[in-house]
């Protein structure tokens, strides 16, 4: 193999390697390219996520308010029950005293 053949062979090999590298680069960019529809889908999903988070926050706020209202009602009901039980106890004592006076 003389010098000219060696230079031509080396040039062909280098060109083939360059072509394969260029093709590999093109293929990677082609496969990893973000499509406009993908961007639109991501925008739509982010908007839906934002709306879902707002709805969740509103639901949590509503549940906290409702829980506070129910706790207040429970406290009031327990106070009324305690007052009713005290009144009932007092009425039973009066009833027992009256029965003791009648029988006694």
C-alpha atoms as a PDB file:
ATOM      1  CA  UNK A   1       0.000   0.000   0.000  1.00  0.00           C
ATOM      2  CA  UNK A   2       1.553   3.228  -1.092  1.00  0.00           C
ATOM      3  CA  UNK A   3       1.124   6.627   0.405  1.00  0.00           C
ATOM      4  CA  UNK A   4      -1.765   7.746  -1.830  1.00  0.00           C
ATOM      5  CA  UNK A   5      -3.803   4.603  -1.138  1.00  0.00           C
ATOM      6  CA  UNK A   6      -3.185   5.038   2.588  1.00  0.00           C
ATOM      7  CA  UNK A   7      -4.392   8.668   2.493  1.00  0.00           C
ATOM      8  CA  UNK A   8      -7.497   7.740   0.466  1.00  0.00           C
ATOM      9  CA  UNK A   9      -8.315   4.804   2.777  1.00  0.00           C
ATOM     10  CA  UNK A  10      -7.849   7.002   5.842  1.00  0.00           C
ATOM     11  CA  UNK A  11     -10.016   9.725   4.294  1.00  0.00           C
ATOM     12  CA  UNK A  12     -12.789   7.210   3.512  1.00  0.00           C
ATOM     13  CA  UNK A  13     -12.648   5.793   7.051  1.00  0.00           C
ATOM     14  CA  UNK A  14     -12.729   9.283   8.569  1.00  0.00           C
ATOM     15  CA  UNK A  15     -15.641  10.289   6.336  1.00  0.00           C
ATOM     16  CA  UNK A  16     -17.531   7.093   7.298  1.00  0.00           C
ATOM     17  CA  UNK A  17     -16.945   7.784  11.008  1.00  0.00           C
ATOM     18  CA  UNK A  18     -18.046  11.406  10.516  1.00  0.00           C
ATOM     19  CA  UNK A  19     -21.192  10.253   8.683  1.00  0.00           C
ATOM     20  CA  UNK A  20     -22.007   7.714  11.416  1.00  0.00           C
ATOM     21  CA  UNK A  21     -21.501  10.381  14.120  1.00  0.00           C
ATOM     22  CA  UNK A  22     -23.667  12.863  12.274  1.00  0.00           C
ATOM     23  CA  UNK A  23     -26.387  10.230  11.804  1.00  0.00           C
ATOM     24  CA  UNK A  24     -26.200   9.245  15.502  1.00  0.00           C
ATOM     25  CA  UNK A  25     -26.508  12.908  16.498  1.00  0.00           C
ATOM     26  CA  UNK A  26     -29.471  13.427  14.168  1.00  0.00           C
ATOM     27  CA  UNK A  27     -31.135  10.269  15.509  1.00  0.00           C
ATOM     28  CA  UNK A  28     -30.683  11.304  19.158  1.00  0.00           C
ATOM     29  CA  UNK A  29     -32.116  14.767  18.472  1.00  0.00           C
ATOM     30  CA  UNK A  30     -34.967  13.295  16.471  1.00  0.00           C
ATOM     31  CA  UNK A  31     -35.925  10.875  19.239  1.00  0.00           C
ATOM     32  CA  UNK A  32     -35.495  13.325  22.110  1.00  0.00           C
ATOM     33  CA  UNK A  33     -37.216  16.265  20.432  1.00  0.00           C
ATOM     34  CA  UNK A  34     -40.176  17.663  22.349  1.00  0.00           C
ATOM     35  CA  UNK A  35     -43.261  17.894  20.192  1.00  0.00           C
ATOM     36  CA  UNK A  36     -45.672  20.821  20.374  1.00  0.00           C
ATOM     37  CA  UNK A  37     -48.491  18.452  21.337  1.00  0.00           C
ATOM     38  CA  UNK A  38     -46.383  17.212  24.268  1.00  0.00           C
ATOM     39  CA  UNK A  39     -45.854  20.778  25.442  1.00  0.00           C
ATOM     40  CA  UNK A  40     -49.585  21.448  25.132  1.00  0.00           C
ATOM     41  CA  UNK A  41     -50.337  18.290  27.116  1.00  0.00           C
ATOM     42  CA  UNK A  42     -47.902  19.357  29.831  1.00  0.00           C
ATOM     43  CA  UNK A  43     -49.495  22.810  29.987  1.00  0.00           C
ATOM     44  CA  UNK A  44     -52.964  21.286  30.223  1.00  0.00           C
ATOM     45  CA  UNK A  45     -51.876  18.826  32.924  1.00  0.00           C
ATOM     46  CA  UNK A  46     -50.189  21.589  34.945  1.00  0.00           C
ATOM     47  CA  UNK A  47     -53.361  23.703  34.733  1.00  0.00           C
ATOM     48  CA  UNK A  48     -55.494  20.750  35.847  1.00  0.00           C
ATOM     49  CA  UNK A  49     -53.089  20.077  38.706  1.00  0.00           C
ATOM     50  CA  UNK A  50     -53.291  23.708  39.781  1.00  0.00           C
ATOM     51  CA  UNK A  51     -57.102  23.595  39.711  1.00  0.00           C
ATOM     52  CA  UNK A  52     -57.104  20.322  41.660  1.00  0.00           C
ATOM     53  CA  UNK A  53     -54.831  21.831  44.310  1.00  0.00           C
ATOM     54  CA  UNK A  54     -57.120  24.847  44.630  1.00  0.00           C
ATOM     55  CA  UNK A  55     -60.140  22.569  44.969  1.00  0.00           C
ATOM     56  CA  UNK A  56     -58.316  20.515  47.601  1.00  0.00           C
ATOM     57  CA  UNK A  57     -57.416  23.675  49.539  1.00  0.00           C
ATOM     58  CA  UNK A  58     -61.043  24.842  49.412  1.00  0.00           C
ATOM     59  CA  UNK A  59     -62.230  21.431  50.600  1.00  0.00           C
ATOM     60  CA  UNK A  60     -59.754  21.453  53.477  1.00  0.00           C
ATOM     61  CA  UNK A  61     -60.875  24.941  54.488  1.00  0.00           C
ATOM     62  CA  UNK A  62     -64.532  23.896  54.334  1.00  0.00           C
ATOM     63  CA  UNK A  63     -63.858  20.777  56.386  1.00  0.00           C
ATOM     64  CA  UNK A  64     -61.971  22.759  59.017  1.00  0.00           C
ATOM     65  CA  UNK A  65     -64.829  25.255  59.289  1.00  0.00           C
ATOM     66  CA  UNK A  66     -67.372  22.454  59.471  1.00  0.00           C
ATOM     67  CA  UNK A  67     -65.314  20.653  62.101  1.00  0.00           C
ATOM     68  CA  UNK A  68     -65.158  23.840  64.197  1.00  0.00           C
ATOM     69  CA  UNK A  69     -68.943  24.290  63.879  1.00  0.00           C
ATOM     70  CA  UNK A  70     -69.592  20.684  64.885  1.00  0.00           C
ATOM     71  CA  UNK A  71     -67.175  20.921  67.824  1.00  0.00           C
ATOM     72  CA  UNK A  72     -69.023  24.056  68.964  1.00  0.00           C
ATOM     73  CA  UNK A  73     -72.399  22.318  68.623  1.00  0.00           C
ATOM     74  CA  UNK A  74     -71.048  19.313  70.531  1.00  0.00           C
ATOM     75  CA  UNK A  75     -69.823  21.559  73.339  1.00  0.00           C
ATOM     76  CA  UNK A  76     -73.207  23.295  73.501  1.00  0.00           C
ATOM     77  CA  UNK A  77     -75.056  19.972  73.449  1.00  0.00           C
ATOM     78  CA  UNK A  78     -72.858  18.585  76.223  1.00  0.00           C
ATOM     79  CA  UNK A  79     -73.528  21.722  78.304  1.00  0.00           C
ATOM     80  CA  UNK A  80     -77.287  21.381  77.703  1.00  0.00           C
ATOM     81  CA  UNK A  81     -77.118  17.692  78.580  1.00  0.00           C
ATOM     82  CA  UNK A  82     -75.241  18.468  81.778  1.00  0.00           C
ATOM     83  CA  UNK A  83     -77.823  21.136  82.693  1.00  0.00           C
ATOM     84  CA  UNK A  84     -80.678  18.732  81.902  1.00  0.00           C
ATOM     85  CA  UNK A  85     -79.054  15.995  83.998  1.00  0.00           C
ATOM     86  CA  UNK A  86     -78.626  18.433  86.904  1.00  0.00           C
ATOM     87  CA  UNK A  87     -82.263  19.466  86.590  1.00  0.00           C
ATOM     88  CA  UNK A  88     -83.359  15.844  86.438  1.00  0.00           C
ATOM     89  CA  UNK A  89     -81.254  14.999  89.498  1.00  0.00           C
ATOM     90  CA  UNK A  90     -82.747  17.940  91.366  1.00  0.00           C
ATOM     91  CA  UNK A  91     -86.258  16.905  90.328  1.00  0.00           C
ATOM     92  CA  UNK A  92     -85.630  13.341  91.542  1.00  0.00           C
ATOM     93  CA  UNK A  93     -84.399  14.644  94.899  1.00  0.00           C
ATOM     94  CA  UNK A  94     -87.494  16.811  95.247  1.00  0.00           C
ATOM     95  CA  UNK A  95     -89.642  13.835  94.230  1.00  0.00           C
ATOM     96  CA  UNK A  96     -87.979  11.592  96.800  1.00  0.00           C
ATOM     97  CA  UNK A  97     -88.450  14.237  99.520  1.00  0.00           C
ATOM     98  CA  UNK A  98     -92.129  14.595  98.643  1.00  0.00           C
ATOM     99  CA  UNK A  99     -92.604  10.815  98.622  1.00  0.00           C
ATOM    100  CA  UNK A 100     -90.840  10.581 101.989  1.00  0.00           C
ATOM    101  CA  UNK A 101     -93.167  13.271 103.456  1.00  0.00           C
ATOM    102  CA  UNK A 102     -96.255  11.518 102.077  1.00  0.00           C
ATOM    103  CA  UNK A 103     -95.214   8.106 103.309  1.00  0.00           C
ATOM    104  CA  UNK A 104     -93.632   9.250 106.509  1.00  0.00           C
END
